[in-house]
Amino acid sequence: MTILRVRSFIPASPEDLFRFHADVRNLGRISPPFPPFRLLSEPAPAREGDLQIFRLGWGRLGVTWVARITRVVEGRLIEDVQERGPFRRWRHQHRFLPAPGGAWLEDAVAFRLLPTPAGEFLEWLLVRPALLPMFWWRHRRTRNLLETRPES
């Protein structure tokens, strides 16, 4: 499996980052504008066993993605596994790690597109470089949204 890790410092507590990511409605707020993102499942806080269903792309060119929440560690981790979508295998961990003055937000993804050496080569050549900017975008949007929210 190809592994991708993106890590950013966010000036928020790990618990705030966890709550933000546990609210699936925020996925649409942090996703890049292209391809378009649309949540199809009922928005609910992430709990182990829950399904999250969303649509990426336009019309027939789009894909419906079904992800199951497989692990939740309060304040520290949310893990989802693709049950249906564009990848043969996909495991995504959202990690929230304490740091002085805030937290590290880390996305760790293990994925397989095609189960062949050529598929692995294509993952490194095409898929990984396409995913990196998406996660950088998400991290920047997360930081911006958490910095600008009113204090409660």
C-alpha atoms as a PDB file:
ATOM      1  CA  MET A   1       0.000   0.000   0.000  1.00  0.00           C
ATOM      2  CA  THR A   2       1.149   3.520  -0.714  1.00  0.00           C
ATOM      3  CA  ILE A   3       1.372   5.706   2.391  1.00  0.00           C
ATOM      4  CA  LEU A   4       0.745   9.445   2.434  1.00  0.00           C
ATOM      5  CA  ARG A   5       1.216  11.664   5.502  1.00  0.00           C
ATOM      6  CA  VAL A   6       0.467  15.362   5.746  1.00  0.00           C
ATOM      7  CA  ARG A   7       1.093  17.181   9.021  1.00  0.00           C
ATOM      8  CA  SER A   8       0.376  20.805   9.963  1.00  0.00           C
ATOM      9  CA  PHE A   9       0.482  22.832  13.136  1.00  0.00           C
ATOM     10  CA  ILE A  10      -2.918  24.281  14.051  1.00  0.00           C
ATOM     11  CA  PRO A  11      -3.286  26.846  16.869  1.00  0.00           C
ATOM     12  CA  ALA A  12      -6.133  24.899  18.499  1.00  0.00           C
ATOM     13  CA  SER A  13      -6.289  22.161  21.091  1.00  0.00           C
ATOM     14  CA  PRO A  14      -6.342  18.526  19.968  1.00  0.00           C
ATOM     15  CA  GLU A  15      -9.848  18.329  21.441  1.00  0.00           C
ATOM     16  CA  ASP A  16     -11.058  21.273  19.322  1.00  0.00           C
ATOM     17  CA  LEU A  17      -9.526  19.703  16.210  1.00  0.00           C
ATOM     18  CA  PHE A  18     -11.183  16.405  17.059  1.00  0.00           C
ATOM     19  CA  ARG A  19     -14.616  18.024  17.509  1.00  0.00           C
ATOM     20  CA  PHE A  20     -14.193  19.936  14.248  1.00  0.00           C
ATOM     21  CA  HIS A  21     -13.337  16.761  12.285  1.00  0.00           C
ATOM     22  CA  ALA A  22     -15.962  14.649  14.057  1.00  0.00           C
ATOM     23  CA  ASP A  23     -18.613  16.953  12.543  1.00  0.00           C
ATOM     24  CA  VAL A  24     -18.893  15.543   8.999  1.00  0.00           C
ATOM     25  CA  ARG A  25     -20.475  18.797   7.795  1.00  0.00           C
ATOM     26  CA  ASN A  26     -17.012  20.359   8.059  1.00  0.00           C
ATOM     27  CA  LEU A  27     -15.681  18.027   5.362  1.00  0.00           C
ATOM     28  CA  GLY A  28     -17.552  20.065   2.773  1.00  0.00           C
ATOM     29  CA  ARG A  29     -16.219  23.287   4.315  1.00  0.00           C
ATOM     30  CA  ILE A  30     -12.579  22.201   4.080  1.00  0.00           C
ATOM     31  CA  SER A  31     -12.705  20.349   0.749  1.00  0.00           C
ATOM     32  CA  PRO A  32     -11.251  22.074  -2.318  1.00  0.00           C
ATOM     33  CA  PRO A  33     -13.827  23.509  -4.748  1.00  0.00           C
ATOM     34  CA  PHE A  34     -12.767  21.028  -7.449  1.00  0.00           C
ATOM     35  CA  PRO A  35     -13.968  18.387  -7.689  1.00  0.00           C
ATOM     36  CA  PRO A  36     -17.286  19.446  -6.139  1.00  0.00           C
ATOM     37  CA  PHE A  37     -18.137  17.726  -2.843  1.00  0.00           C
ATOM     38  CA  ARG A  38     -21.644  16.850  -1.668  1.00  0.00           C
ATOM     39  CA  LEU A  39     -22.574  15.018   1.526  1.00  0.00           C
ATOM     40  CA  LEU A  40     -25.259  12.382   0.872  1.00  0.00           C
ATOM     41  CA  SER A  41     -25.553  10.787   4.321  1.00  0.00           C
ATOM     42  CA  GLU A  42     -27.220  12.353   7.314  1.00  0.00           C
ATOM     43  CA  PRO A  43     -24.717  14.631   9.078  1.00  0.00           C
ATOM     44  CA  ALA A  44     -23.921  13.221  12.507  1.00  0.00           C
ATOM     45  CA  PRO A  45     -20.857  13.225  14.753  1.00  0.00           C
ATOM     46  CA  ALA A  46     -18.405  10.487  13.764  1.00  0.00           C
ATOM     47  CA  ARG A  47     -18.908   7.292  15.766  1.00  0.00           C
ATOM     48  CA  GLU A  48     -17.389   3.861  15.253  1.00  0.00           C
ATOM     49  CA  GLY A  49     -19.436   1.878  12.754  1.00  0.00           C
ATOM     50  CA  ASP A  50     -21.084   4.905  11.121  1.00  0.00           C
ATOM     51  CA  LEU A  51     -21.207   5.240   7.344  1.00  0.00           C
ATOM     52  CA  GLN A  52     -20.426   8.538   5.671  1.00  0.00           C
ATOM     53  CA  ILE A  53     -21.560   8.802   2.063  1.00  0.00           C
ATOM     54  CA  PHE A  54     -20.603  11.630  -0.233  1.00  0.00           C
ATOM     55  CA  ARG A  55     -20.304  12.437  -3.908  1.00  0.00           C
ATOM     56  CA  LEU A  56     -17.222  13.871  -5.619  1.00  0.00           C
ATOM     57  CA  GLY A  57     -17.284  15.297  -9.116  1.00  0.00           C
ATOM     58  CA  TRP A  58     -19.833  16.152 -11.759  1.00  0.00           C
ATOM     59  CA  GLY A  59     -22.671  13.965 -13.086  1.00  0.00           C
ATOM     60  CA  ARG A  60     -21.459  10.748 -14.687  1.00  0.00           C
ATOM     61  CA  LEU A  61     -17.859  11.772 -14.109  1.00  0.00           C
ATOM     62  CA  GLY A  62     -18.450  11.818 -10.363  1.00  0.00           C
ATOM     63  CA  VAL A  63     -17.984   9.026  -7.874  1.00  0.00           C
ATOM     64  CA  THR A  64     -19.990   8.075  -4.819  1.00  0.00           C
ATOM     65  CA  TRP A  65     -17.684   7.373  -1.905  1.00  0.00           C
ATOM     66  CA  VAL A  66     -18.804   5.275   1.076  1.00  0.00           C
ATOM     67  CA  ALA A  67     -16.557   5.365   4.140  1.00  0.00           C
ATOM     68  CA  ARG A  68     -17.044   3.542   7.432  1.00  0.00           C
ATOM     69  CA  ILE A  69     -15.736   5.023  10.669  1.00  0.00           C
ATOM     70  CA  THR A  70     -13.663   2.159  12.092  1.00  0.00           C
ATOM     71  CA  ARG A  71     -11.937   3.797  15.065  1.00  0.00           C
ATOM     72  CA  VAL A  72     -12.552   6.800  17.248  1.00  0.00           C
ATOM     73  CA  VAL A  73     -10.262   7.782  20.114  1.00  0.00           C
ATOM     74  CA  GLU A  74     -11.854  10.789  21.788  1.00  0.00           C
ATOM     75  CA  GLY A  75      -9.772  13.905  21.243  1.00  0.00           C
ATOM     76  CA  ARG A  76      -6.993  12.056  19.372  1.00  0.00           C
ATOM     77  CA  LEU A  77      -8.054   9.981  16.337  1.00  0.00           C
ATOM     78  CA  ILE A  78     -10.767   9.306  13.768  1.00  0.00           C
ATOM     79  CA  GLU A  79     -10.165   6.479  11.292  1.00  0.00           C
ATOM     80  CA  ASP A  80     -12.243   5.695   8.231  1.00  0.00           C
ATOM     81  CA  VAL A  81     -12.013   2.925   5.652  1.00  0.00           C
ATOM     82  CA  GLN A  82     -13.459   3.161   2.156  1.00  0.00           C
ATOM     83  CA  GLU A  83     -16.172   0.565   1.546  1.00  0.00           C
ATOM     84  CA  ARG A  84     -17.007   1.836  -1.951  1.00  0.00           C
ATOM     85  CA  GLY A  85     -15.186   4.353  -4.066  1.00  0.00           C
ATOM     86  CA  PRO A  86     -12.346   4.831  -6.510  1.00  0.00           C
ATOM     87  CA  PHE A  87      -9.675   2.905  -4.590  1.00  0.00           C
ATOM     88  CA  ARG A  88      -9.172  -0.807  -4.158  1.00  0.00           C
ATOM     89  CA  ARG A  89      -8.199  -0.071  -0.529  1.00  0.00           C
ATOM     90  CA  TRP A  90      -8.196   3.151   1.492  1.00  0.00           C
ATOM     91  CA  ARG A  91      -7.586   3.669   5.214  1.00  0.00           C
ATOM     92  CA  HIS A  92      -7.470   7.255   6.464  1.00  0.00           C
ATOM     93  CA  GLN A  93      -6.494   8.333   9.947  1.00  0.00           C
ATOM     94  CA  HIS A  94      -7.120  11.880  11.174  1.00  0.00           C
ATOM     95  CA  ARG A  95      -4.710  12.327  14.089  1.00  0.00           C
ATOM     96  CA  PHE A  96      -4.781  15.186  16.591  1.00  0.00           C
ATOM     97  CA  LEU A  97      -1.520  15.427  18.536  1.00  0.00           C
ATOM     98  CA  PRO A  98      -0.758  17.854  21.386  1.00  0.00           C
ATOM     99  CA  ALA A  99       1.885  20.519  20.733  1.00  0.00           C
ATOM    100  CA  PRO A 100       2.943  23.676  22.581  1.00  0.00           C
ATOM    101  CA  GLY A 101       0.438  26.414  21.705  1.00  0.00           C
ATOM    102  CA  GLY A 102      -1.850  24.134  19.717  1.00  0.00           C
ATOM    103  CA  ALA A 103      -1.836  20.743  18.043  1.00  0.00           C
ATOM    104  CA  TRP A 104      -0.521  18.818  15.093  1.00  0.00           C
ATOM    105  CA  LEU A 105      -3.153  17.805  12.593  1.00  0.00           C
ATOM    106  CA  GLU A 106      -1.941  14.730  10.744  1.00  0.00           C
ATOM    107  CA  ASP A 107      -3.678  12.899   7.939  1.00  0.00           C
ATOM    108  CA  ALA A 108      -2.222   9.449   7.345  1.00  0.00           C
ATOM    109  CA  VAL A 109      -3.607   7.564   4.352  1.00  0.00           C
ATOM    110  CA  ALA A 110      -2.748   4.051   3.189  1.00  0.00           C
ATOM    111  CA  PHE A 111      -4.186   3.338  -0.228  1.00  0.00           C
ATOM    112  CA  ARG A 112      -4.067   0.952  -3.163  1.00  0.00           C
ATOM    113  CA  LEU A 113      -5.457   1.803  -6.567  1.00  0.00           C
ATOM    114  CA  LEU A 114      -4.361  -1.235  -8.563  1.00  0.00           C
ATOM    115  CA  PRO A 115      -2.875  -4.429  -7.070  1.00  0.00           C
ATOM    116  CA  THR A 116       0.116  -4.579  -9.435  1.00  0.00           C
ATOM    117  CA  PRO A 117       3.628  -3.126  -9.556  1.00  0.00           C
ATOM    118  CA  ALA A 118       2.423  -0.857 -12.387  1.00  0.00           C
ATOM    119  CA  GLY A 119      -0.430   0.282 -10.128  1.00  0.00           C
ATOM    120  CA  GLU A 120       2.021   1.090  -7.341  1.00  0.00           C
ATOM    121  CA  PHE A 121       4.131   3.090  -9.789  1.00  0.00           C
ATOM    122  CA  LEU A 122       1.036   5.035 -10.942  1.00  0.00           C
ATOM    123  CA  GLU A 123       0.121   5.752  -7.317  1.00  0.00           C
ATOM    124  CA  TRP A 124       3.497   7.409  -6.766  1.00  0.00           C
ATOM    125  CA  LEU A 125       3.547   9.109 -10.151  1.00  0.00           C
ATOM    126  CA  LEU A 126      -0.060  10.390 -10.366  1.00  0.00           C
ATOM    127  CA  VAL A 127      -2.281   9.686  -7.354  1.00  0.00           C
ATOM    128  CA  ARG A 128      -0.006  10.737  -4.502  1.00  0.00           C
ATOM    129  CA  PRO A 129       0.880  14.080  -6.201  1.00  0.00           C
ATOM    130  CA  ALA A 130      -2.861  14.710  -6.744  1.00  0.00           C
ATOM    131  CA  LEU A 131      -3.753  13.929  -3.113  1.00  0.00           C
ATOM    132  CA  LEU A 132      -1.038  16.074  -1.493  1.00  0.00           C
ATOM    133  CA  PRO A 133      -2.474  19.454  -2.578  1.00  0.00           C
ATOM    134  CA  MET A 134      -5.960  18.351  -1.475  1.00  0.00           C
ATOM    135  CA  PHE A 135      -4.718  17.622   2.054  1.00  0.00           C
ATOM    136  CA  TRP A 136      -2.656  20.836   2.158  1.00  0.00           C
ATOM    137  CA  TRP A 137      -5.833  22.720   1.158  1.00  0.00           C
ATOM    138  CA  ARG A 138      -7.841  20.961   3.866  1.00  0.00           C
ATOM    139  CA  HIS A 139      -5.250  21.761   6.517  1.00  0.00           C
ATOM    140  CA  ARG A 140      -5.102  25.433   5.506  1.00  0.00           C
ATOM    141  CA  ARG A 141      -8.924  25.669   5.505  1.00  0.00           C
ATOM    142  CA  THR A 142      -9.095  23.947   8.909  1.00  0.00           C
ATOM    143  CA  ARG A 143      -6.599  26.438  10.330  1.00  0.00           C
ATOM    144  CA  ASN A 144      -8.463  29.404   8.825  1.00  0.00           C
ATOM    145  CA  LEU A 145     -11.874  28.248  10.033  1.00  0.00           C
ATOM    146  CA  LEU A 146     -10.667  27.520  13.564  1.00  0.00           C
ATOM    147  CA  GLU A 147      -8.778  30.829  13.792  1.00  0.00           C
ATOM    148  CA  THR A 148     -11.782  32.887  12.681  1.00  0.00           C
ATOM    149  CA  ARG A 149     -14.529  31.215  14.695  1.00  0.00           C
ATOM    150  CA  PRO A 150     -15.985  33.203  17.591  1.00  0.00           C
ATOM    151  CA  GLU A 151     -14.971  32.108  21.069  1.00  0.00           C
ATOM    152  CA  SER A 152     -17.749  30.259  22.880  1.00  0.00           C
END
